[in-house]
Amino acid sequence: MAEGKNPIYVWVNEERYEQLEKAGVAQHTEERLAGMKVLVAYATDEQAKILVNEFGAKHDTSTTGSIELLPKKVKDKIFEKVVQKQTLDVMDDVLKEVR
């Protein structure tokens, strides 16, 4: 996994997918299990450390590099900010609001 690009997967149901479509960012989803979709946002290495230290997330540094086990409020804020700002570059804003 490239340094500084740590994926965060946010599951997306049909209602949320429609919100992403309206915001013009639905192309940033990936299809996973049985047609279910995930939105893939990214955290820098420094942001990943904050998520682990302050929110109890796990950082899978050995295989996928992904940030996992984030609290629902953090994942919901990531989704909300992606829709609002129409970009995946939202982690600074998310951290300001959830810390």
PDB file of N, CA and C in Angstrom:
ATOM      1  N   MET A   1       0.856  -1.187   0.000  1.00  0.00           N
ATOM      2  CA  MET A   1       0.000   0.000   0.000  1.00  0.00           C
ATOM      3  C   MET A   1       0.888   1.231   0.000  1.00  0.00           C
ATOM      4  N   ALA A   2       0.572   2.173  -0.842  1.00  0.00           N
ATOM      5  CA  ALA A   2       1.358   3.394  -0.948  1.00  0.00           C
ATOM      6  C   ALA A   2       1.272   4.189   0.359  1.00  0.00           C
ATOM      7  N   GLU A   3       2.389   4.747   0.753  1.00  0.00           N
ATOM      8  CA  GLU A   3       2.412   5.533   1.976  1.00  0.00           C
ATOM      9  C   GLU A   3       1.486   6.730   1.830  1.00  0.00           C
ATOM     10  N   GLY A   4       0.721   6.984   2.883  1.00  0.00           N
ATOM     11  CA  GLY A   4      -0.147   8.143   2.892  1.00  0.00           C
ATOM     12  C   GLY A   4      -1.493   7.937   2.233  1.00  0.00           C
ATOM     13  N   LYS A   5      -1.760   6.740   1.745  1.00  0.00           N
ATOM     14  CA  LYS A   5      -3.034   6.490   1.083  1.00  0.00           C
ATOM     15  C   LYS A   5      -3.662   5.248   1.708  1.00  0.00           C
ATOM     16  N   ASN A   6      -4.341   5.466   2.828  1.00  0.00           N
ATOM     17  CA  ASN A   6      -4.926   4.387   3.613  1.00  0.00           C
ATOM     18  C   ASN A   6      -6.442   4.387   3.411  1.00  0.00           C
ATOM     19  N   PRO A   7      -6.976   3.367   2.747  1.00  0.00           N
ATOM     20  CA  PRO A   7      -8.409   3.375   2.438  1.00  0.00           C
ATOM     21  C   PRO A   7      -9.292   3.194   3.666  1.00  0.00           C
ATOM     22  N   ILE A   8     -10.423   3.859   3.609  1.00  0.00           N
ATOM     23  CA  ILE A   8     -11.490   3.700   4.597  1.00  0.00           C
ATOM     24  C   ILE A   8     -12.736   3.333   3.805  1.00  0.00           C
ATOM     25  N   TYR A   9     -13.324   2.194   4.139  1.00  0.00           N
ATOM     26  CA  TYR A   9     -14.482   1.697   3.398  1.00  0.00           C
ATOM     27  C   TYR A   9     -15.760   2.018   4.155  1.00  0.00           C
ATOM     28  N   VAL A  10     -16.686   2.689   3.469  1.00  0.00           N
ATOM     29  CA  VAL A  10     -17.981   3.043   4.049  1.00  0.00           C
ATOM     30  C   VAL A  10     -19.048   2.346   3.209  1.00  0.00           C
ATOM     31  N   TRP A  11     -19.770   1.411   3.810  1.00  0.00           N
ATOM     32  CA  TRP A  11     -20.826   0.690   3.082  1.00  0.00           C
ATOM     33  C   TRP A  11     -21.930   1.654   2.673  1.00  0.00           C
ATOM     34  N   VAL A  12     -22.459   1.439   1.481  1.00  0.00           N
ATOM     35  CA  VAL A  12     -23.444   2.348   0.907  1.00  0.00           C
ATOM     36  C   VAL A  12     -24.688   1.555   0.518  1.00  0.00           C
ATOM     37  N   ASN A  13     -25.828   1.914   1.119  1.00  0.00           N
ATOM     38  CA  ASN A  13     -27.095   1.292   0.726  1.00  0.00           C
ATOM     39  C   ASN A  13     -27.692   2.071  -0.452  1.00  0.00           C
ATOM     40  N   GLU A  14     -28.853   1.647  -0.925  1.00  0.00           N
ATOM     41  CA  GLU A  14     -29.457   2.296  -2.100  1.00  0.00           C
ATOM     42  C   GLU A  14     -29.735   3.778  -1.869  1.00  0.00           C
ATOM     43  N   GLU A  15     -30.236   4.106  -0.698  1.00  0.00           N
ATOM     44  CA  GLU A  15     -30.551   5.504  -0.381  1.00  0.00           C
ATOM     45  C   GLU A  15     -29.287   6.368  -0.400  1.00  0.00           C
ATOM     46  N   ARG A  16     -28.248   5.860   0.211  1.00  0.00           N
ATOM     47  CA  ARG A  16     -26.988   6.606   0.218  1.00  0.00           C
ATOM     48  C   ARG A  16     -26.389   6.685  -1.184  1.00  0.00           C
ATOM     49  N   TYR A  17     -26.533   5.625  -1.970  1.00  0.00           N
ATOM     50  CA  TYR A  17     -26.015   5.646  -3.329  1.00  0.00           C
ATOM     51  C   TYR A  17     -26.698   6.749  -4.143  1.00  0.00           C
ATOM     52  N   GLU A  18     -28.012   6.906  -3.951  1.00  0.00           N
ATOM     53  CA  GLU A  18     -28.747   7.973  -4.639  1.00  0.00           C
ATOM     54  C   GLU A  18     -28.198   9.345  -4.237  1.00  0.00           C
ATOM     55  N   GLN A  19     -27.861   9.512  -2.960  1.00  0.00           N
ATOM     56  CA  GLN A  19     -27.280  10.783  -2.502  1.00  0.00           C
ATOM     57  C   GLN A  19     -25.926  11.030  -3.181  1.00  0.00           C
ATOM     58  N   LEU A  20     -25.146   9.975  -3.313  1.00  0.00           N
ATOM     59  CA  LEU A  20     -23.854  10.112  -3.991  1.00  0.00           C
ATOM     60  C   LEU A  20     -24.043  10.449  -5.466  1.00  0.00           C
ATOM     61  N   GLU A  21     -25.046   9.841  -6.106  1.00  0.00           N
ATOM     62  CA  GLU A  21     -25.336  10.147  -7.510  1.00  0.00           C
ATOM     63  C   GLU A  21     -25.708  11.614  -7.673  1.00  0.00           C
ATOM     64  N   LYS A  22     -26.586  12.112  -6.797  1.00  0.00           N
ATOM     65  CA  LYS A  22     -27.011  13.517  -6.874  1.00  0.00           C
ATOM     66  C   LYS A  22     -25.831  14.464  -6.664  1.00  0.00           C
ATOM     67  N   ALA A  23     -24.886  14.048  -5.828  1.00  0.00           N
ATOM     68  CA  ALA A  23     -23.715  14.884  -5.563  1.00  0.00           C
ATOM     69  C   ALA A  23     -22.645  14.721  -6.644  1.00  0.00           C
ATOM     70  N   GLY A  24     -22.838  13.772  -7.563  1.00  0.00           N
ATOM     71  CA  GLY A  24     -21.894  13.568  -8.652  1.00  0.00           C
ATOM     72  C   GLY A  24     -20.639  12.809  -8.265  1.00  0.00           C
ATOM     73  N   VAL A  25     -20.713  12.022  -7.192  1.00  0.00           N
ATOM     74  CA  VAL A  25     -19.527  11.282  -6.743  1.00  0.00           C
ATOM     75  C   VAL A  25     -19.765   9.774  -6.639  1.00  0.00           C
ATOM     76  N   ALA A  26     -20.833   9.283  -7.221  1.00  0.00           N
ATOM     77  CA  ALA A  26     -21.141   7.848  -7.149  1.00  0.00           C
ATOM     78  C   ALA A  26     -20.074   6.993  -7.823  1.00  0.00           C
ATOM     79  N   GLN A  27     -19.314   7.581  -8.738  1.00  0.00           N
ATOM     80  CA  GLN A  27     -18.259   6.821  -9.423  1.00  0.00           C
ATOM     81  C   GLN A  27     -17.141   6.414  -8.465  1.00  0.00           C
ATOM     82  N   HIS A  28     -17.129   6.962  -7.273  1.00  0.00           N
ATOM     83  CA  HIS A  28     -16.103   6.610  -6.288  1.00  0.00           C
ATOM     84  C   HIS A  28     -16.482   5.399  -5.445  1.00  0.00           C
ATOM     85  N   THR A  29     -17.601   4.764  -5.780  1.00  0.00           N
ATOM     86  CA  THR A  29     -17.971   3.544  -5.067  1.00  0.00           C
ATOM     87  C   THR A  29     -17.421   2.333  -5.809  1.00  0.00           C
ATOM     88  N   GLU A  30     -17.276   1.254  -5.068  1.00  0.00           N
ATOM     89  CA  GLU A  30     -16.854  -0.015  -5.646  1.00  0.00           C
ATOM     90  C   GLU A  30     -17.881  -1.069  -5.261  1.00  0.00           C
ATOM     91  N   GLU A  31     -18.146  -1.985  -6.183  1.00  0.00           N
ATOM     92  CA  GLU A  31     -19.089  -3.052  -5.876  1.00  0.00           C
ATOM     93  C   GLU A  31     -18.366  -4.152  -5.121  1.00  0.00           C
ATOM     94  N   ARG A  32     -19.006  -4.618  -4.067  1.00  0.00           N
ATOM     95  CA  ARG A  32     -18.434  -5.680  -3.237  1.00  0.00           C
ATOM     96  C   ARG A  32     -19.450  -6.805  -3.094  1.00  0.00           C
ATOM     97  N   LEU A  33     -19.519  -7.394  -1.956  1.00  0.00           N
ATOM     98  CA  LEU A  33     -20.352  -8.555  -1.674  1.00  0.00           C
ATOM     99  C   LEU A  33     -21.761  -8.469  -2.240  1.00  0.00           C
ATOM    100  N   ALA A  34     -22.118  -9.409  -3.098  1.00  0.00           N
ATOM    101  CA  ALA A  34     -23.487  -9.561  -3.623  1.00  0.00           C
ATOM    102  C   ALA A  34     -24.082  -8.242  -4.098  1.00  0.00           C
ATOM    103  N   GLY A  35     -23.286  -7.442  -4.787  1.00  0.00           N
ATOM    104  CA  GLY A  35     -23.806  -6.200  -5.344  1.00  0.00           C
ATOM    105  C   GLY A  35     -23.811  -5.032  -4.386  1.00  0.00           C
ATOM    106  N   MET A  36     -23.440  -5.249  -3.133  1.00  0.00           N
ATOM    107  CA  MET A  36     -23.376  -4.132  -2.188  1.00  0.00           C
ATOM    108  C   MET A  36     -22.195  -3.245  -2.563  1.00  0.00           C
ATOM    109  N   LYS A  37     -22.336  -1.961  -2.274  1.00  0.00           N
ATOM    110  CA  LYS A  37     -21.316  -1.001  -2.673  1.00  0.00           C
ATOM    111  C   LYS A  37     -20.627  -0.404  -1.450  1.00  0.00           C
ATOM    112  N   VAL A  38     -19.381   0.012  -1.672  1.00  0.00           N
ATOM    113  CA  VAL A  38     -18.647   0.756  -0.657  1.00  0.00           C
ATOM    114  C   VAL A  38     -18.097   2.026  -1.279  1.00  0.00           C
ATOM    115  N   LEU A  39     -18.085   3.065  -0.474  1.00  0.00           N
ATOM    116  CA  LEU A  39     -17.428   4.310  -0.823  1.00  0.00           C
ATOM    117  C   LEU A  39     -16.022   4.200  -0.250  1.00  0.00           C
ATOM    118  N   VAL A  40     -15.042   4.520  -1.045  1.00  0.00           N
ATOM    119  CA  VAL A  40     -13.654   4.402  -0.592  1.00  0.00           C
ATOM    120  C   VAL A  40     -13.057   5.803  -0.451  1.00  0.00           C
ATOM    121  N   ALA A  41     -12.849   6.199   0.807  1.00  0.00           N
ATOM    122  CA  ALA A  41     -12.168   7.460   1.102  1.00  0.00           C
ATOM    123  C   ALA A  41     -10.766   7.099   1.582  1.00  0.00           C
ATOM    124  N   TYR A  42      -9.894   8.075   1.658  1.00  0.00           N
ATOM    125  CA  TYR A  42      -8.509   7.800   2.043  1.00  0.00           C
ATOM    126  C   TYR A  42      -8.045   8.723   3.153  1.00  0.00           C
ATOM    127  N   ALA A  43      -7.203   8.169   4.021  1.00  0.00           N
ATOM    128  CA  ALA A  43      -6.583   8.935   5.094  1.00  0.00           C
ATOM    129  C   ALA A  43      -5.075   8.933   4.876  1.00  0.00           C
ATOM    130  N   THR A  44      -4.438  10.036   5.207  1.00  0.00           N
ATOM    131  CA  THR A  44      -2.985  10.079   5.183  1.00  0.00           C
ATOM    132  C   THR A  44      -2.467   9.244   6.350  1.00  0.00           C
ATOM    133  N   ASP A  45      -1.182   9.013   6.386  1.00  0.00           N
ATOM    134  CA  ASP A  45      -0.596   8.260   7.497  1.00  0.00           C
ATOM    135  C   ASP A  45      -0.853   8.968   8.828  1.00  0.00           C
ATOM    136  N   GLU A  46      -0.722  10.280   8.841  1.00  0.00           N
ATOM    137  CA  GLU A  46      -0.955  11.048  10.071  1.00  0.00           C
ATOM    138  C   GLU A  46      -2.423  10.961  10.500  1.00  0.00           C
ATOM    139  N   GLN A  47      -3.342  11.080   9.539  1.00  0.00           N
ATOM    140  CA  GLN A  47      -4.765  10.952   9.854  1.00  0.00           C
ATOM    141  C   GLN A  47      -5.076   9.544  10.355  1.00  0.00           C
ATOM    142  N   ALA A  48      -4.430   8.546   9.776  1.00  0.00           N
ATOM    143  CA  ALA A  48      -4.635   7.159  10.211  1.00  0.00           C
ATOM    144  C   ALA A  48      -4.217   6.993  11.667  1.00  0.00           C
ATOM    145  N   LYS A  49      -3.098   7.620  12.056  1.00  0.00           N
ATOM    146  CA  LYS A  49      -2.650   7.544  13.452  1.00  0.00           C
ATOM    147  C   LYS A  49      -3.684   8.153  14.388  1.00  0.00           C
ATOM    148  N   ILE A  50      -4.258   9.277  13.990  1.00  0.00           N
ATOM    149  CA  ILE A  50      -5.291   9.928  14.814  1.00  0.00           C
ATOM    150  C   ILE A  50      -6.501   9.013  14.956  1.00  0.00           C
ATOM    151  N   LEU A  51      -6.922   8.408  13.848  1.00  0.00           N
ATOM    152  CA  LEU A  51      -8.091   7.525  13.887  1.00  0.00           C
ATOM    153  C   LEU A  51      -7.855   6.324  14.803  1.00  0.00           C
ATOM    154  N   VAL A  52      -6.654   5.799  14.789  1.00  0.00           N
ATOM    155  CA  VAL A  52      -6.317   4.672  15.656  1.00  0.00           C
ATOM    156  C   VAL A  52      -6.234   5.116  17.115  1.00  0.00           C
ATOM    157  N   ASN A  53      -5.507   6.184  17.362  1.00  0.00           N
ATOM    158  CA  ASN A  53      -5.268   6.623  18.744  1.00  0.00           C
ATOM    159  C   ASN A  53      -6.492   7.223  19.418  1.00  0.00           C
ATOM    160  N   GLU A  54      -7.297   7.973  18.684  1.00  0.00           N
ATOM    161  CA  GLU A  54      -8.413   8.681  19.312  1.00  0.00           C
ATOM    162  C   GLU A  54      -9.752   7.978  19.174  1.00  0.00           C
ATOM    163  N   PHE A  55      -9.874   7.086  18.185  1.00  0.00           N
ATOM    164  CA  PHE A  55     -11.181   6.468  17.944  1.00  0.00           C
ATOM    165  C   PHE A  55     -11.142   4.947  18.015  1.00  0.00           C
ATOM    166  N   GLY A  56     -10.002   4.392  18.373  1.00  0.00           N
ATOM    167  CA  GLY A  56      -9.909   2.950  18.538  1.00  0.00           C
ATOM    168  C   GLY A  56      -9.980   2.155  17.250  1.00  0.00           C
ATOM    169  N   ALA A  57      -9.725   2.817  16.120  1.00  0.00           N
ATOM    170  CA  ALA A  57      -9.746   2.105  14.835  1.00  0.00           C
ATOM    171  C   ALA A  57      -8.550   1.159  14.767  1.00  0.00           C
ATOM    172  N   LYS A  58      -8.607   0.241  13.844  1.00  0.00           N
ATOM    173  CA  LYS A  58      -7.496  -0.673  13.575  1.00  0.00           C
ATOM    174  C   LYS A  58      -6.931  -0.320  12.201  1.00  0.00           C
ATOM    175  N   HIS A  59      -5.619  -0.367  12.082  1.00  0.00           N
ATOM    176  CA  HIS A  59      -4.956  -0.074  10.812  1.00  0.00           C
ATOM    177  C   HIS A  59      -4.297  -1.356  10.327  1.00  0.00           C
ATOM    178  N   ASP A  60      -4.830  -1.919   9.265  1.00  0.00           N
ATOM    179  CA  ASP A  60      -4.304  -3.166   8.701  1.00  0.00           C
ATOM    180  C   ASP A  60      -3.079  -2.842   7.859  1.00  0.00           C
ATOM    181  N   THR A  61      -1.946  -2.718   8.516  1.00  0.00           N
ATOM    182  CA  THR A  61      -0.727  -2.339   7.814  1.00  0.00           C
ATOM    183  C   THR A  61      -0.075  -3.503   7.083  1.00  0.00           C
ATOM    184  N   SER A  62      -0.474  -4.731   7.398  1.00  0.00           N
ATOM    185  CA  SER A  62       0.198  -5.885   6.790  1.00  0.00           C
ATOM    186  C   SER A  62      -0.376  -6.297   5.439  1.00  0.00           C
ATOM    187  N   THR A  63      -1.652  -6.041   5.189  1.00  0.00           N
ATOM    188  CA  THR A  63      -2.219  -6.484   3.904  1.00  0.00           C
ATOM    189  C   THR A  63      -2.856  -5.346   3.116  1.00  0.00           C
ATOM    190  N   THR A  64      -4.030  -4.909   3.508  1.00  0.00           N
ATOM    191  CA  THR A  64      -4.775  -3.936   2.697  1.00  0.00           C
ATOM    192  C   THR A  64      -4.411  -2.483   2.969  1.00  0.00           C
ATOM    193  N   GLY A  65      -3.831  -2.206   4.130  1.00  0.00           N
ATOM    194  CA  GLY A  65      -3.540  -0.828   4.501  1.00  0.00           C
ATOM    195  C   GLY A  65      -4.758  -0.058   4.954  1.00  0.00           C
ATOM    196  N   SER A  66      -5.900  -0.732   5.039  1.00  0.00           N
ATOM    197  CA  SER A  66      -7.152  -0.037   5.335  1.00  0.00           C
ATOM    198  C   SER A  66      -7.306   0.278   6.817  1.00  0.00           C
ATOM    199  N   ILE A  67      -8.125   1.281   7.070  1.00  0.00           N
ATOM    200  CA  ILE A  67      -8.497   1.685   8.422  1.00  0.00           C
ATOM    201  C   ILE A  67      -9.846   1.032   8.694  1.00  0.00           C
ATOM    202  N   GLU A  68      -9.918   0.239   9.753  1.00  0.00           N
ATOM    203  CA  GLU A  68     -11.136  -0.534  10.026  1.00  0.00           C
ATOM    204  C   GLU A  68     -11.619  -0.285  11.452  1.00  0.00           C
ATOM    205  N   LEU A  69     -12.840  -0.709  11.707  1.00  0.00           N
ATOM    206  CA  LEU A  69     -13.469  -0.630  13.025  1.00  0.00           C
ATOM    207  C   LEU A  69     -13.625   0.804  13.521  1.00  0.00           C
ATOM    208  N   LEU A  70     -13.879   1.709  12.590  1.00  0.00           N
ATOM    209  CA  LEU A  70     -14.159   3.095  12.974  1.00  0.00           C
ATOM    210  C   LEU A  70     -15.553   3.183  13.579  1.00  0.00           C
ATOM    211  N   PRO A  71     -15.745   4.069  14.549  1.00  0.00           N
ATOM    212  CA  PRO A  71     -17.094   4.270  15.083  1.00  0.00           C
ATOM    213  C   PRO A  71     -18.048   4.753  13.992  1.00  0.00           C
ATOM    214  N   LYS A  72     -19.320   4.414  14.155  1.00  0.00           N
ATOM    215  CA  LYS A  72     -20.354   4.793  13.182  1.00  0.00           C
ATOM    216  C   LYS A  72     -20.373   6.302  12.947  1.00  0.00           C
ATOM    217  N   LYS A  73     -20.213   7.088  14.011  1.00  0.00           N
ATOM    218  CA  LYS A  73     -20.282   8.554  13.852  1.00  0.00           C
ATOM    219  C   LYS A  73     -19.182   9.066  12.917  1.00  0.00           C
ATOM    220  N   VAL A  74     -18.023   8.420  12.935  1.00  0.00           N
ATOM    221  CA  VAL A  74     -16.930   8.852  12.064  1.00  0.00           C
ATOM    222  C   VAL A  74     -17.235   8.470  10.618  1.00  0.00           C
ATOM    223  N   LYS A  75     -17.693   7.243  10.407  1.00  0.00           N
ATOM    224  CA  LYS A  75     -18.029   6.816   9.041  1.00  0.00           C
ATOM    225  C   LYS A  75     -19.189   7.630   8.485  1.00  0.00           C
ATOM    226  N   ASP A  76     -20.184   7.923   9.327  1.00  0.00           N
ATOM    227  CA  ASP A  76     -21.303   8.753   8.876  1.00  0.00           C
ATOM    228  C   ASP A  76     -20.823  10.148   8.494  1.00  0.00           C
ATOM    229  N   LYS A  77     -19.885  10.695   9.253  1.00  0.00           N
ATOM    230  CA  LYS A  77     -19.355  12.033   8.957  1.00  0.00           C
ATOM    231  C   LYS A  77     -18.558  12.014   7.653  1.00  0.00           C
ATOM    232  N   ILE A  78     -17.799  10.937   7.405  1.00  0.00           N
ATOM    233  CA  ILE A  78     -17.079  10.812   6.137  1.00  0.00           C
ATOM    234  C   ILE A  78     -18.072  10.849   4.982  1.00  0.00           C
ATOM    235  N   PHE A  79     -19.123  10.036   5.077  1.00  0.00           N
ATOM    236  CA  PHE A  79     -20.133  10.004   4.014  1.00  0.00           C
ATOM    237  C   PHE A  79     -20.752  11.387   3.825  1.00  0.00           C
ATOM    238  N   GLU A  80     -21.164  12.008   4.925  1.00  0.00           N
ATOM    239  CA  GLU A  80     -21.821  13.319   4.874  1.00  0.00           C
ATOM    240  C   GLU A  80     -20.924  14.357   4.189  1.00  0.00           C
ATOM    241  N   LYS A  81     -19.650  14.360   4.538  1.00  0.00           N
ATOM    242  CA  LYS A  81     -18.728  15.341   3.964  1.00  0.00           C
ATOM    243  C   LYS A  81     -18.448  15.073   2.484  1.00  0.00           C
ATOM    244  N   VAL A  82     -18.371  13.804   2.092  1.00  0.00           N
ATOM    245  CA  VAL A  82     -18.173  13.486   0.673  1.00  0.00           C
ATOM    246  C   VAL A  82     -19.344  14.023  -0.143  1.00  0.00           C
ATOM    247  N   VAL A  83     -20.557  13.822   0.346  1.00  0.00           N
ATOM    248  CA  VAL A  83     -21.743  14.321  -0.354  1.00  0.00           C
ATOM    249  C   VAL A  83     -21.736  15.847  -0.381  1.00  0.00           C
ATOM    250  N   GLN A  84     -21.454  16.447   0.757  1.00  0.00           N
ATOM    251  CA  GLN A  84     -21.490  17.908   0.875  1.00  0.00           C
ATOM    252  C   GLN A  84     -20.436  18.578  -0.005  1.00  0.00           C
ATOM    253  N   LYS A  85     -19.194  18.072   0.056  1.00  0.00           N
ATOM    254  CA  LYS A  85     -18.091  18.720  -0.660  1.00  0.00           C
ATOM    255  C   LYS A  85     -17.877  18.172  -2.075  1.00  0.00           C
ATOM    256  N   GLN A  86     -18.536  17.067  -2.389  1.00  0.00           N
ATOM    257  CA  GLN A  86     -18.447  16.426  -3.709  1.00  0.00           C
ATOM    258  C   GLN A  86     -17.008  16.052  -4.059  1.00  0.00           C
ATOM    259  N   THR A  87     -16.296  15.561  -3.064  1.00  0.00           N
ATOM    260  CA  THR A  87     -14.918  15.114  -3.237  1.00  0.00           C
ATOM    261  C   THR A  87     -14.610  14.069  -2.171  1.00  0.00           C
ATOM    262  N   LEU A  88     -13.575  13.269  -2.416  1.00  0.00           N
ATOM    263  CA  LEU A  88     -13.128  12.304  -1.415  1.00  0.00           C
ATOM    264  C   LEU A  88     -12.126  12.931  -0.446  1.00  0.00           C
ATOM    265  N   ASP A  89     -11.663  14.122  -0.722  1.00  0.00           N
ATOM    266  CA  ASP A  89     -10.675  14.801   0.109  1.00  0.00           C
ATOM    267  C   ASP A  89     -11.383  15.495   1.278  1.00  0.00           C
ATOM    268  N   VAL A  90     -11.803  14.691   2.252  1.00  0.00           N
ATOM    269  CA  VAL A  90     -12.620  15.232   3.338  1.00  0.00           C
ATOM    270  C   VAL A  90     -12.077  14.946   4.738  1.00  0.00           C
ATOM    271  N   MET A  91     -11.000  14.200   4.853  1.00  0.00           N
ATOM    272  CA  MET A  91     -10.582  13.732   6.171  1.00  0.00           C
ATOM    273  C   MET A  91     -10.182  14.854   7.122  1.00  0.00           C
ATOM    274  N   ASP A  92      -9.581  15.928   6.635  1.00  0.00           N
ATOM    275  CA  ASP A  92      -9.259  17.037   7.533  1.00  0.00           C
ATOM    276  C   ASP A  92     -10.539  17.614   8.138  1.00  0.00           C
ATOM    277  N   ASP A  93     -11.552  17.824   7.303  1.00  0.00           N
ATOM    278  CA  ASP A  93     -12.831  18.349   7.781  1.00  0.00           C
ATOM    279  C   ASP A  93     -13.497  17.376   8.747  1.00  0.00           C
ATOM    280  N   VAL A  94     -13.458  16.094   8.413  1.00  0.00           N
ATOM    281  CA  VAL A  94     -14.075  15.083   9.285  1.00  0.00           C
ATOM    282  C   VAL A  94     -13.421  15.106  10.652  1.00  0.00           C
ATOM    283  N   LEU A  95     -12.109  15.090  10.689  1.00  0.00           N
ATOM    284  CA  LEU A  95     -11.407  15.078  11.978  1.00  0.00           C
ATOM    285  C   LEU A  95     -11.689  16.341  12.792  1.00  0.00           C
ATOM    286  N   LYS A  96     -11.780  17.485  12.150  1.00  0.00           N
ATOM    287  CA  LYS A  96     -12.109  18.728  12.873  1.00  0.00           C
ATOM    288  C   LYS A  96     -13.465  18.613  13.547  1.00  0.00           C
ATOM    289  N   GLU A  97     -14.416  17.958  12.889  1.00  0.00           N
ATOM    290  CA  GLU A  97     -15.781  17.907  13.420  1.00  0.00           C
ATOM    291  C   GLU A  97     -16.016  16.783  14.424  1.00  0.00           C
ATOM    292  N   VAL A  98     -15.269  15.700  14.345  1.00  0.00           N
ATOM    293  CA  VAL A  98     -15.548  14.576  15.249  1.00  0.00           C
ATOM    294  C   VAL A  98     -14.609  14.515  16.448  1.00  0.00           C
ATOM    295  N   ARG A  99     -13.581  15.325  16.453  1.00  0.00           N
ATOM    296  CA  ARG A  99     -12.622  15.310  17.586  1.00  0.00           C
ATOM    297  C   ARG A  99     -13.117  16.095  18.759  1.00  0.00           C
TER     298      ARG A  99
END
